[in-house]
C-alpha atoms as a PDB file:
ATOM      1  CA  MET A   1       2.534 -20.358  36.303  1.00  0.00           C
ATOM      2  CA  GLY A   2       6.332 -20.165  36.649  1.00  0.00           C
ATOM      3  CA  GLU A   3       8.532 -17.292  36.230  1.00  0.00           C
ATOM      4  CA  GLY A   4      10.032 -18.732  33.042  1.00  0.00           C
ATOM      5  CA  SER A   5       6.712 -18.884  31.263  1.00  0.00           C
ATOM      6  CA  MET A   6       5.747 -15.336  32.452  1.00  0.00           C
ATOM      7  CA  MET A   7       9.057 -14.189  31.047  1.00  0.00           C
ATOM      8  CA  LYS A   8       8.474 -15.930  27.628  1.00  0.00           C
ATOM      9  CA  GLN A   9       4.876 -14.186  27.549  1.00  0.00           C
ATOM     10  CA  GLU A  10       6.388 -10.739  28.139  1.00  0.00           C
ATOM     11  CA  ASN A  11       9.028 -11.305  25.502  1.00  0.00           C
ATOM     12  CA  ARG A  12       6.466 -12.457  22.906  1.00  0.00           C
ATOM     13  CA  SER A  13       4.225  -9.578  23.477  1.00  0.00           C
ATOM     14  CA  PHE A  14       7.182  -7.165  23.406  1.00  0.00           C
ATOM     15  CA  CYS A  15       8.344  -8.634  20.105  1.00  0.00           C
ATOM     16  CA  ASN A  16       4.893  -8.687  18.599  1.00  0.00           C
ATOM     17  CA  ARG A  17       4.181  -5.135  19.531  1.00  0.00           C
ATOM     18  CA  HIS A  18       7.513  -3.620  18.421  1.00  0.00           C
ATOM     19  CA  VAL A  19       8.211  -5.908  15.429  1.00  0.00           C
ATOM     20  CA  GLY A  20       4.674  -5.681  14.034  1.00  0.00           C
ATOM     21  CA  GLU A  21       4.714  -1.911  13.945  1.00  0.00           C
ATOM     22  CA  PRO A  22       7.377  -1.507  11.264  1.00  0.00           C
ATOM     23  CA  CYS A  23       5.533  -4.076   9.297  1.00  0.00           C
ATOM     24  CA  LYS A  24       2.280  -2.161   9.508  1.00  0.00           C
ATOM     25  CA  ALA A  25       3.985   0.999   8.589  1.00  0.00           C
ATOM     26  CA  PHE A  26       5.502  -0.622   5.572  1.00  0.00           C
ATOM     27  CA  GLY A  27       2.216  -2.090   4.470  1.00  0.00           C
ATOM     28  CA  ARG A  28       0.579   1.275   4.783  1.00  0.00           C
ATOM     29  CA  LYS A  29       3.234   2.912   2.784  1.00  0.00           C
ATOM     30  CA  CYS A  30       3.212   0.196   0.155  1.00  0.00           C
ATOM     31  CA  SER A  31      -0.684   0.394  -0.196  1.00  0.00           C
ATOM     32  CA  ARG A  32      -0.426   4.297  -0.461  1.00  0.00           C
ATOM     33  CA  LEU A  33       2.081   3.942  -3.242  1.00  0.00           C
ATOM     34  CA  VAL A  34      -0.077   1.392  -5.011  1.00  0.00           C
ATOM     35  CA  GLN A  35      -2.959   3.592  -4.814  1.00  0.00           C
ATOM     36  CA  GLU A  36      -1.060   6.483  -6.071  1.00  0.00           C
ATOM     37  CA  GLN A  37       0.224   4.595  -9.095  1.00  0.00           C
ATOM     38  CA  ARG A  38      -3.352   3.331  -9.890  1.00  0.00           C
ATOM     39  CA  ALA A  39      -4.485   6.871  -9.804  1.00  0.00           C
ATOM     40  CA  ARG A  40      -1.598   8.026 -12.262  1.00  0.00           C
ATOM     41  CA  PHE A  41      -2.302   5.111 -14.586  1.00  0.00           C
ATOM     42  CA  TYR A  42      -5.990   5.924 -14.723  1.00  0.00           C
ATOM     43  CA  ILE A  43      -5.297   9.527 -15.513  1.00  0.00           C
ATOM     44  CA  LEU A  44      -2.803   8.544 -18.153  1.00  0.00           C
ATOM     45  CA  ARG A  45      -5.207   6.015 -19.649  1.00  0.00           C
ATOM     46  CA  ARG A  46      -7.956   8.550 -19.736  1.00  0.00           C
ATOM     47  CA  CYS A  47      -5.741  11.205 -21.451  1.00  0.00           C
ATOM     48  CA  VAL A  48      -4.641   8.657 -24.070  1.00  0.00           C
ATOM     49  CA  ILE A  49      -8.210   7.619 -24.774  1.00  0.00           C
ATOM     50  CA  MET A  50      -9.243  11.218 -25.114  1.00  0.00           C
ATOM     51  CA  LEU A  51      -6.370  11.982 -27.478  1.00  0.00           C
ATOM     52  CA  ILE A  52      -7.156   8.969 -29.586  1.00  0.00           C
ATOM     53  CA  CYS A  53     -10.958   9.901 -29.768  1.00  0.00           C
ATOM     54  CA  TRP A  54      -9.952  13.535 -30.594  1.00  0.00           C
ATOM     55  CA  HIS A  55      -7.815  12.490 -33.273  1.00  0.00           C
ATOM     56  CA  ASP A  56     -10.448  10.079 -34.816  1.00  0.00           C
ATOM     57  CA  TYR A  57     -13.318  12.475 -34.626  1.00  0.00           C
ATOM     58  CA  GLY A  58     -11.408  15.798 -34.968  1.00  0.00           C
ATOM     59  CA  ASP A  59     -10.673  15.435 -38.625  1.00  0.00           C
ATOM     60  CA  SER A  60     -14.213  15.012 -39.730  1.00  0.00           C
END
């Protein structure tokens, strides 16, 4: 193994390690935001359904 190929391996592992970390952090942040939005829409949907049902059956 030559010194040049060893240098390329070190650079590749350095790039993969340091470039990949912000991508993973960004992915985690995005998935957390998506999960939060899903929870909000779920709560909103349940409230709307409850209000519609209450309106329909509350007047009887």
